[in-house]
């Protein structure tokens, strides 16, 4: 990919020292925000809250019988398939099973999940573009916490991109402080002068970035007057997060374990025109924003 093409791509950072010194990274952030804002947002309370806070949780997302059947199918699927990806994050292990080639007849509830109209509707509303089962990844995610004798960089606050991108988890186990829950900093996905200066500073000093997700120092968060929140929740809770915001995995206890169904929506913010999105996305079972730990 040419350097100029990178500017108008979904890359986390442009591979050009000269362009970064000229301020291309904060300009990309502002340009992506402008393109996002001209696309019409749906009139849905969950999407409105997500736009304001950067994350939202919805408890009791699936009916109890459907949730139980889905968990049973997940166990059966994992017993018969090797992980698609295996990540060693320090001493923490993350296993992921992609469901793109799932046999819908053998696993009807998993197939129904990846085509869930409410989830895809929320994804479309959050992204302000049409999405479908193939628009993002659909996975089972299984995390086992280690003893932290080796550093896990995912426990440091970071941002995934300079533009809006969204991750969705349906937790199959209770999420407690022991099994390293999501940490999210509400309203950190908004752009302001402090955030844009930090984007510029770190683009010209790549040592501050890893993979190359930008790590966020506490001082930046404090200058913005923001406070991180630990997102604990019971099983069968849907969590949607805009990963342009500051987020991390909390420090858990050795041996802690959690499992979730996981989707992500991330696209080139400069590619799409201005698609029309439905004004409503249907009823919400129960939405809880900013749930406190415990």
C-alpha atoms as a PDB file:
ATOM      1  CA  UNK A   1       0.000   0.000   0.000  1.00  0.00           C
ATOM      2  CA  UNK A   2       1.395   3.409  -0.944  1.00  0.00           C
ATOM      3  CA  UNK A   3       2.013   5.976   1.766  1.00  0.00           C
ATOM      4  CA  UNK A   4      -0.712   8.279   0.468  1.00  0.00           C
ATOM      5  CA  UNK A   5      -3.218   5.406   0.353  1.00  0.00           C
ATOM      6  CA  UNK A   6      -2.465   4.678   4.017  1.00  0.00           C
ATOM      7  CA  UNK A   7      -3.745   8.134   4.952  1.00  0.00           C
ATOM      8  CA  UNK A   8      -7.230   7.191   3.694  1.00  0.00           C
ATOM      9  CA  UNK A   9      -7.190   3.617   4.991  1.00  0.00           C
ATOM     10  CA  UNK A  10      -8.105   1.749   8.172  1.00  0.00           C
ATOM     11  CA  UNK A  11      -4.460   1.527   9.278  1.00  0.00           C
ATOM     12  CA  UNK A  12      -3.849   2.466  12.873  1.00  0.00           C
ATOM     13  CA  UNK A  13      -0.941   4.683  11.865  1.00  0.00           C
ATOM     14  CA  UNK A  14       0.688   5.930   8.659  1.00  0.00           C
ATOM     15  CA  UNK A  15       4.185   4.592   8.015  1.00  0.00           C
ATOM     16  CA  UNK A  16       5.722   7.959   7.173  1.00  0.00           C
ATOM     17  CA  UNK A  17       7.829   9.975   9.567  1.00  0.00           C
ATOM     18  CA  UNK A  18       7.505  13.075   7.376  1.00  0.00           C
ATOM     19  CA  UNK A  19       3.700  12.926   7.148  1.00  0.00           C
ATOM     20  CA  UNK A  20       3.366  12.239  10.852  1.00  0.00           C
ATOM     21  CA  UNK A  21       5.520  15.284  11.624  1.00  0.00           C
ATOM     22  CA  UNK A  22       3.164  17.321   9.449  1.00  0.00           C
ATOM     23  CA  UNK A  23       0.251  16.170  11.623  1.00  0.00           C
ATOM     24  CA  UNK A  24      -1.432  13.583   9.426  1.00  0.00           C
ATOM     25  CA  UNK A  25      -2.578  11.436  12.385  1.00  0.00           C
ATOM     26  CA  UNK A  26      -4.789  14.036  14.126  1.00  0.00           C
ATOM     27  CA  UNK A  27      -6.013  15.142  10.685  1.00  0.00           C
ATOM     28  CA  UNK A  28      -7.067  11.549   9.975  1.00  0.00           C
ATOM     29  CA  UNK A  29      -8.934  11.492  13.285  1.00  0.00           C
ATOM     30  CA  UNK A  30     -10.787  14.728  12.527  1.00  0.00           C
ATOM     31  CA  UNK A  31     -11.518  13.676   8.948  1.00  0.00           C
ATOM     32  CA  UNK A  32     -12.872  10.291  10.023  1.00  0.00           C
ATOM     33  CA  UNK A  33     -15.074  11.985  12.630  1.00  0.00           C
ATOM     34  CA  UNK A  34     -16.473  14.341   9.964  1.00  0.00           C
ATOM     35  CA  UNK A  35     -17.307  11.435   7.655  1.00  0.00           C
ATOM     36  CA  UNK A  36     -18.938   9.586  10.549  1.00  0.00           C
ATOM     37  CA  UNK A  37     -21.067  12.533  11.642  1.00  0.00           C
ATOM     38  CA  UNK A  38     -22.653  13.132   8.240  1.00  0.00           C
ATOM     39  CA  UNK A  39     -24.049   9.598   8.273  1.00  0.00           C
ATOM     40  CA  UNK A  40     -27.440   9.544   9.945  1.00  0.00           C
ATOM     41  CA  UNK A  41     -27.656   7.907  13.369  1.00  0.00           C
ATOM     42  CA  UNK A  42     -30.722   5.779  14.202  1.00  0.00           C
ATOM     43  CA  UNK A  43     -33.216   6.917  16.796  1.00  0.00           C
ATOM     44  CA  UNK A  44     -32.412   4.178  19.292  1.00  0.00           C
ATOM     45  CA  UNK A  45     -31.698   4.722  23.018  1.00  0.00           C
ATOM     46  CA  UNK A  46     -28.898   2.147  23.168  1.00  0.00           C
ATOM     47  CA  UNK A  47     -27.104   3.674  20.177  1.00  0.00           C
ATOM     48  CA  UNK A  48     -27.548   7.171  21.632  1.00  0.00           C
ATOM     49  CA  UNK A  49     -26.021   6.063  24.924  1.00  0.00           C
ATOM     50  CA  UNK A  50     -23.179   4.338  23.097  1.00  0.00           C
ATOM     51  CA  UNK A  51     -22.491   7.543  21.161  1.00  0.00           C
ATOM     52  CA  UNK A  52     -22.377   9.536  24.396  1.00  0.00           C
ATOM     53  CA  UNK A  53     -20.554   7.186  26.764  1.00  0.00           C
ATOM     54  CA  UNK A  54     -18.565   4.982  24.373  1.00  0.00           C
ATOM     55  CA  UNK A  55     -19.929   1.725  25.783  1.00  0.00           C
ATOM     56  CA  UNK A  56     -23.201   0.171  26.844  1.00  0.00           C
ATOM     57  CA  UNK A  57     -24.279  -3.030  28.603  1.00  0.00           C
ATOM     58  CA  UNK A  58     -27.550  -4.909  28.119  1.00  0.00           C
ATOM     59  CA  UNK A  59     -28.326  -7.572  30.721  1.00  0.00           C
ATOM     60  CA  UNK A  60     -30.480 -10.665  30.074  1.00  0.00           C
ATOM     61  CA  UNK A  61     -29.898 -10.207  26.368  1.00  0.00           C
ATOM     62  CA  UNK A  62     -31.109 -13.631  25.228  1.00  0.00           C
ATOM     63  CA  UNK A  63     -34.138 -15.472  26.649  1.00  0.00           C
ATOM     64  CA  UNK A  64     -32.955 -17.914  29.333  1.00  0.00           C
ATOM     65  CA  UNK A  65     -33.733 -21.054  27.340  1.00  0.00           C
ATOM     66  CA  UNK A  66     -31.993 -19.698  24.224  1.00  0.00           C
ATOM     67  CA  UNK A  67     -28.961 -18.630  26.256  1.00  0.00           C
ATOM     68  CA  UNK A  68     -28.660 -22.063  27.913  1.00  0.00           C
ATOM     69  CA  UNK A  69     -28.945 -23.846  24.557  1.00  0.00           C
ATOM     70  CA  UNK A  70     -26.337 -21.534  23.058  1.00  0.00           C
ATOM     71  CA  UNK A  71     -23.903 -22.262  25.909  1.00  0.00           C
ATOM     72  CA  UNK A  72     -24.412 -26.000  25.389  1.00  0.00           C
ATOM     73  CA  UNK A  73     -23.641 -25.659  21.683  1.00  0.00           C
ATOM     74  CA  UNK A  74     -20.514 -23.612  22.440  1.00  0.00           C
ATOM     75  CA  UNK A  75     -19.209 -26.388  24.691  1.00  0.00           C
ATOM     76  CA  UNK A  76     -19.890 -28.966  21.997  1.00  0.00           C
ATOM     77  CA  UNK A  77     -18.305 -26.845  19.288  1.00  0.00           C
ATOM     78  CA  UNK A  78     -15.131 -26.213  21.291  1.00  0.00           C
ATOM     79  CA  UNK A  79     -14.815 -29.919  22.147  1.00  0.00           C
ATOM     80  CA  UNK A  80     -14.746 -30.778  18.439  1.00  0.00           C
ATOM     81  CA  UNK A  81     -12.598 -27.958  17.035  1.00  0.00           C
ATOM     82  CA  UNK A  82      -9.095 -26.655  17.597  1.00  0.00           C
ATOM     83  CA  UNK A  83      -8.769 -22.907  18.272  1.00  0.00           C
ATOM     84  CA  UNK A  84      -8.362 -20.782  15.165  1.00  0.00           C
ATOM     85  CA  UNK A  85      -5.996 -18.446  17.017  1.00  0.00           C
ATOM     86  CA  UNK A  86      -3.991 -18.893  20.200  1.00  0.00           C
ATOM     87  CA  UNK A  87      -2.483 -15.801  21.810  1.00  0.00           C
ATOM     88  CA  UNK A  88       0.028 -15.762  24.654  1.00  0.00           C
ATOM     89  CA  UNK A  89      -0.364 -12.404  26.366  1.00  0.00           C
ATOM     90  CA  UNK A  90       2.360 -12.577  28.965  1.00  0.00           C
ATOM     91  CA  UNK A  91       1.174 -15.535  31.033  1.00  0.00           C
ATOM     92  CA  UNK A  92      -2.474 -15.053  30.049  1.00  0.00           C
ATOM     93  CA  UNK A  93      -3.861 -17.282  27.294  1.00  0.00           C
ATOM     94  CA  UNK A  94      -6.483 -16.121  24.823  1.00  0.00           C
ATOM     95  CA  UNK A  95      -8.057 -18.722  22.531  1.00  0.00           C
ATOM     96  CA  UNK A  96     -10.379 -17.771  19.676  1.00  0.00           C
ATOM     97  CA  UNK A  97     -12.577 -19.906  17.451  1.00  0.00           C
ATOM     98  CA  UNK A  98     -13.863 -18.234  14.283  1.00  0.00           C
ATOM     99  CA  UNK A  99     -17.431 -19.210  13.373  1.00  0.00           C
ATOM    100  CA  UNK A 100     -17.410 -18.193   9.699  1.00  0.00           C
ATOM    101  CA  UNK A 101     -17.680 -21.802   8.485  1.00  0.00           C
ATOM    102  CA  UNK A 102     -20.086 -22.943  11.198  1.00  0.00           C
ATOM    103  CA  UNK A 103     -22.462 -25.782  10.270  1.00  0.00           C
ATOM    104  CA  UNK A 104     -25.826 -24.159  10.975  1.00  0.00           C
ATOM    105  CA  UNK A 105     -27.706 -27.471  11.032  1.00  0.00           C
ATOM    106  CA  UNK A 106     -25.461 -28.943  13.757  1.00  0.00           C
ATOM    107  CA  UNK A 107     -25.259 -25.682  15.733  1.00  0.00           C
ATOM    108  CA  UNK A 108     -28.535 -23.821  15.102  1.00  0.00           C
ATOM    109  CA  UNK A 109     -28.321 -21.532  18.142  1.00  0.00           C
ATOM    110  CA  UNK A 110     -24.766 -20.442  17.338  1.00  0.00           C
ATOM    111  CA  UNK A 111     -25.849 -19.843  13.766  1.00  0.00           C
ATOM    112  CA  UNK A 112     -28.790 -17.793  15.006  1.00  0.00           C
ATOM    113  CA  UNK A 113     -26.439 -15.762  17.213  1.00  0.00           C
ATOM    114  CA  UNK A 114     -24.162 -14.709  14.382  1.00  0.00           C
ATOM    115  CA  UNK A 115     -27.255 -13.623  12.422  1.00  0.00           C
ATOM    116  CA  UNK A 116     -29.023 -12.044  15.418  1.00  0.00           C
ATOM    117  CA  UNK A 117     -31.027  -9.129  14.024  1.00  0.00           C
ATOM    118  CA  UNK A 118     -30.790  -7.088  17.211  1.00  0.00           C
ATOM    119  CA  UNK A 119     -27.009  -7.426  17.460  1.00  0.00           C
ATOM    120  CA  UNK A 120     -26.520  -6.604  13.784  1.00  0.00           C
ATOM    121  CA  UNK A 121     -28.973  -3.727  14.096  1.00  0.00           C
ATOM    122  CA  UNK A 122     -26.997  -2.288  16.990  1.00  0.00           C
ATOM    123  CA  UNK A 123     -23.786  -2.800  15.038  1.00  0.00           C
ATOM    124  CA  UNK A 124     -25.260  -0.936  12.061  1.00  0.00           C
ATOM    125  CA  UNK A 125     -26.441   1.855  14.325  1.00  0.00           C
ATOM    126  CA  UNK A 126     -23.090   2.171  16.057  1.00  0.00           C
ATOM    127  CA  UNK A 127     -21.166   2.110  12.783  1.00  0.00           C
ATOM    128  CA  UNK A 128     -23.775   4.172  10.926  1.00  0.00           C
ATOM    129  CA  UNK A 129     -23.440   1.856   7.943  1.00  0.00           C
ATOM    130  CA  UNK A 130     -25.021  -1.409   6.811  1.00  0.00           C
ATOM    131  CA  UNK A 131     -23.544  -4.500   8.467  1.00  0.00           C
ATOM    132  CA  UNK A 132     -24.237  -8.211   8.150  1.00  0.00           C
ATOM    133  CA  UNK A 133     -22.899 -11.524   9.486  1.00  0.00           C
ATOM    134  CA  UNK A 134     -19.825 -11.163   7.255  1.00  0.00           C
ATOM    135  CA  UNK A 135     -19.159  -7.495   8.090  1.00  0.00           C
ATOM    136  CA  UNK A 136     -16.985  -8.281  11.088  1.00  0.00           C
ATOM    137  CA  UNK A 137     -15.469 -11.200  12.905  1.00  0.00           C
ATOM    138  CA  UNK A 138     -17.747 -13.657  14.727  1.00  0.00           C
ATOM    139  CA  UNK A 139     -15.880 -15.723  17.301  1.00  0.00           C
ATOM    140  CA  UNK A 140     -15.907 -17.622  20.547  1.00  0.00           C
ATOM    141  CA  UNK A 141     -13.339 -16.105  22.895  1.00  0.00           C
ATOM    142  CA  UNK A 142     -11.896 -17.956  25.902  1.00  0.00           C
ATOM    143  CA  UNK A 143      -9.449 -16.297  28.328  1.00  0.00           C
ATOM    144  CA  UNK A 144      -7.450 -17.932  31.131  1.00  0.00           C
ATOM    145  CA  UNK A 145      -5.595 -15.511  33.392  1.00  0.00           C
ATOM    146  CA  UNK A 146      -1.951 -16.169  34.283  1.00  0.00           C
ATOM    147  CA  UNK A 147       0.220 -15.060  37.188  1.00  0.00           C
ATOM    148  CA  UNK A 148       1.584 -11.900  35.485  1.00  0.00           C
ATOM    149  CA  UNK A 149       5.194 -13.003  35.889  1.00  0.00           C
ATOM    150  CA  UNK A 150       5.401 -11.722  32.294  1.00  0.00           C
ATOM    151  CA  UNK A 151       3.738  -8.426  31.381  1.00  0.00           C
ATOM    152  CA  UNK A 152       0.410  -8.461  29.565  1.00  0.00           C
ATOM    153  CA  UNK A 153       0.292  -5.281  27.474  1.00  0.00           C
ATOM    154  CA  UNK A 154      -3.483  -5.569  27.151  1.00  0.00           C
ATOM    155  CA  UNK A 155      -3.758  -4.491  30.783  1.00  0.00           C
ATOM    156  CA  UNK A 156      -2.523  -1.001  29.806  1.00  0.00           C
ATOM    157  CA  UNK A 157      -5.082   1.514  28.616  1.00  0.00           C
ATOM    158  CA  UNK A 158      -4.925   1.837  24.842  1.00  0.00           C
ATOM    159  CA  UNK A 159      -6.920   2.803  21.753  1.00  0.00           C
ATOM    160  CA  UNK A 160      -7.491   0.553  18.752  1.00  0.00           C
ATOM    161  CA  UNK A 161      -7.867   3.294  16.153  1.00  0.00           C
ATOM    162  CA  UNK A 162      -8.323   7.008  15.521  1.00  0.00           C
ATOM    163  CA  UNK A 163     -11.810   6.341  14.110  1.00  0.00           C
ATOM    164  CA  UNK A 164     -14.933   4.694  15.465  1.00  0.00           C
ATOM    165  CA  UNK A 165     -14.704   0.890  15.658  1.00  0.00           C
ATOM    166  CA  UNK A 166     -16.854  -1.395  17.780  1.00  0.00           C
ATOM    167  CA  UNK A 167     -16.513  -4.664  19.651  1.00  0.00           C
ATOM    168  CA  UNK A 168     -19.415  -6.725  20.957  1.00  0.00           C
ATOM    169  CA  UNK A 169     -19.297  -9.407  23.651  1.00  0.00           C
ATOM    170  CA  UNK A 170     -22.075 -11.677  24.864  1.00  0.00           C
ATOM    171  CA  UNK A 171     -20.646 -13.087  28.081  1.00  0.00           C
ATOM    172  CA  UNK A 172     -21.254 -16.784  28.665  1.00  0.00           C
ATOM    173  CA  UNK A 173     -19.811 -16.660  32.190  1.00  0.00           C
ATOM    174  CA  UNK A 174     -20.157 -14.111  34.979  1.00  0.00           C
ATOM    175  CA  UNK A 175     -17.591 -11.333  34.629  1.00  0.00           C
ATOM    176  CA  UNK A 176     -16.000 -10.558  37.986  1.00  0.00           C
ATOM    177  CA  UNK A 177     -12.919  -8.682  39.144  1.00  0.00           C
ATOM    178  CA  UNK A 178     -11.142 -12.047  39.488  1.00  0.00           C
ATOM    179  CA  UNK A 179     -11.387 -12.934  35.779  1.00  0.00           C
ATOM    180  CA  UNK A 180     -10.001  -9.686  34.374  1.00  0.00           C
ATOM    181  CA  UNK A 181     -13.016  -7.724  33.121  1.00  0.00           C
ATOM    182  CA  UNK A 182     -13.016  -4.989  30.528  1.00  0.00           C
ATOM    183  CA  UNK A 183     -11.885  -1.583  31.745  1.00  0.00           C
ATOM    184  CA  UNK A 184     -13.381   1.309  29.782  1.00  0.00           C
ATOM    185  CA  UNK A 185     -12.996   5.055  30.230  1.00  0.00           C
ATOM    186  CA  UNK A 186     -16.425   6.592  29.536  1.00  0.00           C
ATOM    187  CA  UNK A 187     -16.481   9.459  27.011  1.00  0.00           C
ATOM    188  CA  UNK A 188     -12.808   8.916  26.117  1.00  0.00           C
ATOM    189  CA  UNK A 189     -13.839   8.149  22.516  1.00  0.00           C
ATOM    190  CA  UNK A 190     -14.609  11.826  21.920  1.00  0.00           C
ATOM    191  CA  UNK A 191     -11.923  14.026  20.391  1.00  0.00           C
ATOM    192  CA  UNK A 192     -10.617  17.127  22.143  1.00  0.00           C
ATOM    193  CA  UNK A 193      -7.406  19.160  22.108  1.00  0.00           C
ATOM    194  CA  UNK A 194      -5.694  16.929  24.690  1.00  0.00           C
ATOM    195  CA  UNK A 195      -6.514  13.771  22.715  1.00  0.00           C
ATOM    196  CA  UNK A 196      -5.431  15.275  19.382  1.00  0.00           C
ATOM    197  CA  UNK A 197      -2.121  16.527  20.809  1.00  0.00           C
ATOM    198  CA  UNK A 198      -1.472  13.038  22.190  1.00  0.00           C
ATOM    199  CA  UNK A 199      -2.273  11.457  18.816  1.00  0.00           C
ATOM    200  CA  UNK A 200       0.265  13.763  17.178  1.00  0.00           C
ATOM    201  CA  UNK A 201       2.946  13.228  19.834  1.00  0.00           C
ATOM    202  CA  UNK A 202       2.706   9.463  19.672  1.00  0.00           C
ATOM    203  CA  UNK A 203       2.618   9.343  15.869  1.00  0.00           C
ATOM    204  CA  UNK A 204       6.056  10.979  15.737  1.00  0.00           C
ATOM    205  CA  UNK A 205       7.386   8.755  18.545  1.00  0.00           C
ATOM    206  CA  UNK A 206       6.462   5.162  17.566  1.00  0.00           C
ATOM    207  CA  UNK A 207       8.111   3.783  20.709  1.00  0.00           C
ATOM    208  CA  UNK A 208       4.951   4.837  22.535  1.00  0.00           C
ATOM    209  CA  UNK A 209       2.841   2.491  20.415  1.00  0.00           C
ATOM    210  CA  UNK A 210       2.508  -1.282  20.485  1.00  0.00           C
ATOM    211  CA  UNK A 211       1.114  -3.361  17.586  1.00  0.00           C
ATOM    212  CA  UNK A 212       0.767  -0.223  16.891  1.00  0.00           C
ATOM    213  CA  UNK A 213      -2.103   0.529  19.287  1.00  0.00           C
ATOM    214  CA  UNK A 214      -1.408   3.727  21.149  1.00  0.00           C
ATOM    215  CA  UNK A 215      -0.938   3.305  24.898  1.00  0.00           C
ATOM    216  CA  UNK A 216      -2.565   5.976  27.056  1.00  0.00           C
ATOM    217  CA  UNK A 217      -0.730   7.337  30.111  1.00  0.00           C
ATOM    218  CA  UNK A 218      -2.685   8.174  33.243  1.00  0.00           C
ATOM    219  CA  UNK A 219      -1.714  11.829  32.883  1.00  0.00           C
ATOM    220  CA  UNK A 220      -3.586  12.110  29.561  1.00  0.00           C
ATOM    221  CA  UNK A 221      -6.732  10.666  31.095  1.00  0.00           C
ATOM    222  CA  UNK A 222      -6.460  12.969  34.107  1.00  0.00           C
ATOM    223  CA  UNK A 223      -5.962  16.075  31.944  1.00  0.00           C
ATOM    224  CA  UNK A 224      -9.233  15.197  30.229  1.00  0.00           C
ATOM    225  CA  UNK A 225     -11.013  14.757  33.566  1.00  0.00           C
ATOM    226  CA  UNK A 226     -11.913  11.138  32.842  1.00  0.00           C
ATOM    227  CA  UNK A 227     -12.158   8.125  35.159  1.00  0.00           C
ATOM    228  CA  UNK A 228     -11.820   4.457  34.164  1.00  0.00           C
ATOM    229  CA  UNK A 229     -14.624   2.042  34.952  1.00  0.00           C
ATOM    230  CA  UNK A 230     -14.408  -1.715  35.509  1.00  0.00           C
ATOM    231  CA  UNK A 231     -17.222  -3.441  33.594  1.00  0.00           C
ATOM    232  CA  UNK A 232     -18.330  -6.376  35.741  1.00  0.00           C
ATOM    233  CA  UNK A 233     -21.610  -8.045  34.828  1.00  0.00           C
ATOM    234  CA  UNK A 234     -23.574 -11.331  35.059  1.00  0.00           C
ATOM    235  CA  UNK A 235     -23.537 -13.871  32.271  1.00  0.00           C
ATOM    236  CA  UNK A 236     -25.936 -13.277  29.371  1.00  0.00           C
ATOM    237  CA  UNK A 237     -24.934  -9.609  29.287  1.00  0.00           C
ATOM    238  CA  UNK A 238     -24.194  -7.945  25.963  1.00  0.00           C
ATOM    239  CA  UNK A 239     -21.450  -5.305  26.033  1.00  0.00           C
ATOM    240  CA  UNK A 240     -20.714  -2.979  23.106  1.00  0.00           C
ATOM    241  CA  UNK A 241     -17.660  -0.714  23.211  1.00  0.00           C
ATOM    242  CA  UNK A 242     -16.298   1.893  20.827  1.00  0.00           C
ATOM    243  CA  UNK A 243     -12.612   0.999  20.815  1.00  0.00           C
ATOM    244  CA  UNK A 244     -11.580   4.479  19.725  1.00  0.00           C
ATOM    245  CA  UNK A 245     -12.044   5.055  23.454  1.00  0.00           C
ATOM    246  CA  UNK A 246      -9.486   4.146  26.112  1.00  0.00           C
ATOM    247  CA  UNK A 247      -9.856   0.541  27.225  1.00  0.00           C
ATOM    248  CA  UNK A 248      -7.884  -2.354  28.679  1.00  0.00           C
ATOM    249  CA  UNK A 249      -8.215  -5.716  30.383  1.00  0.00           C
ATOM    250  CA  UNK A 250      -8.191  -5.410  34.171  1.00  0.00           C
ATOM    251  CA  UNK A 251      -5.643  -7.278  36.279  1.00  0.00           C
ATOM    252  CA  UNK A 252      -7.280 -10.530  37.368  1.00  0.00           C
ATOM    253  CA  UNK A 253      -6.351 -13.475  39.567  1.00  0.00           C
ATOM    254  CA  UNK A 254      -4.136 -16.367  38.499  1.00  0.00           C
ATOM    255  CA  UNK A 255      -6.400 -19.083  37.088  1.00  0.00           C
ATOM    256  CA  UNK A 256      -9.345 -16.779  36.451  1.00  0.00           C
ATOM    257  CA  UNK A 257     -11.382 -17.731  33.409  1.00  0.00           C
ATOM    258  CA  UNK A 258     -14.150 -16.252  31.289  1.00  0.00           C
ATOM    259  CA  UNK A 259     -15.761 -16.975  27.949  1.00  0.00           C
ATOM    260  CA  UNK A 260     -17.790 -14.924  25.496  1.00  0.00           C
ATOM    261  CA  UNK A 261     -19.253 -14.789  22.036  1.00  0.00           C
ATOM    262  CA  UNK A 262     -17.498 -11.932  20.298  1.00  0.00           C
ATOM    263  CA  UNK A 263     -18.014  -9.759  17.220  1.00  0.00           C
ATOM    264  CA  UNK A 264     -16.053  -6.818  15.928  1.00  0.00           C
ATOM    265  CA  UNK A 265     -16.874  -4.142  13.374  1.00  0.00           C
ATOM    266  CA  UNK A 266     -13.961  -2.192  11.954  1.00  0.00           C
ATOM    267  CA  UNK A 267     -13.852  -0.679   8.484  1.00  0.00           C
ATOM    268  CA  UNK A 268     -12.174   2.026   6.446  1.00  0.00           C
ATOM    269  CA  UNK A 269     -13.876   5.226   7.648  1.00  0.00           C
ATOM    270  CA  UNK A 270     -13.095   7.028   4.399  1.00  0.00           C
ATOM    271  CA  UNK A 271     -14.495   4.386   2.054  1.00  0.00           C
ATOM    272  CA  UNK A 272     -18.206   4.493   2.717  1.00  0.00           C
ATOM    273  CA  UNK A 273     -20.484   7.246   1.369  1.00  0.00           C
ATOM    274  CA  UNK A 274     -23.471   8.168   3.476  1.00  0.00           C
ATOM    275  CA  UNK A 275     -25.736   5.126   3.814  1.00  0.00           C
ATOM    276  CA  UNK A 276     -29.192   5.526   5.254  1.00  0.00           C
ATOM    277  CA  UNK A 277     -29.791   3.742   8.553  1.00  0.00           C
ATOM    278  CA  UNK A 278     -33.197   2.739   9.919  1.00  0.00           C
ATOM    279  CA  UNK A 279     -34.560   5.203  12.444  1.00  0.00           C
ATOM    280  CA  UNK A 280     -35.396   2.495  15.002  1.00  0.00           C
ATOM    281  CA  UNK A 281     -33.743  -0.797  15.834  1.00  0.00           C
ATOM    282  CA  UNK A 282     -36.447  -2.518  17.867  1.00  0.00           C
ATOM    283  CA  UNK A 283     -37.063  -3.003  21.593  1.00  0.00           C
ATOM    284  CA  UNK A 284     -34.379  -3.356  24.243  1.00  0.00           C
ATOM    285  CA  UNK A 285     -34.726  -5.953  26.986  1.00  0.00           C
ATOM    286  CA  UNK A 286     -32.772  -4.023  29.603  1.00  0.00           C
ATOM    287  CA  UNK A 287     -29.940  -1.559  29.153  1.00  0.00           C
ATOM    288  CA  UNK A 288     -27.523  -0.688  31.938  1.00  0.00           C
ATOM    289  CA  UNK A 289     -24.867   1.938  31.307  1.00  0.00           C
ATOM    290  CA  UNK A 290     -21.947   2.471  33.609  1.00  0.00           C
ATOM    291  CA  UNK A 291     -22.672  -0.522  35.843  1.00  0.00           C
ATOM    292  CA  UNK A 292     -20.493  -0.325  38.940  1.00  0.00           C
ATOM    293  CA  UNK A 293     -18.276  -3.244  40.001  1.00  0.00           C
ATOM    294  CA  UNK A 294     -20.024  -5.790  42.231  1.00  0.00           C
END
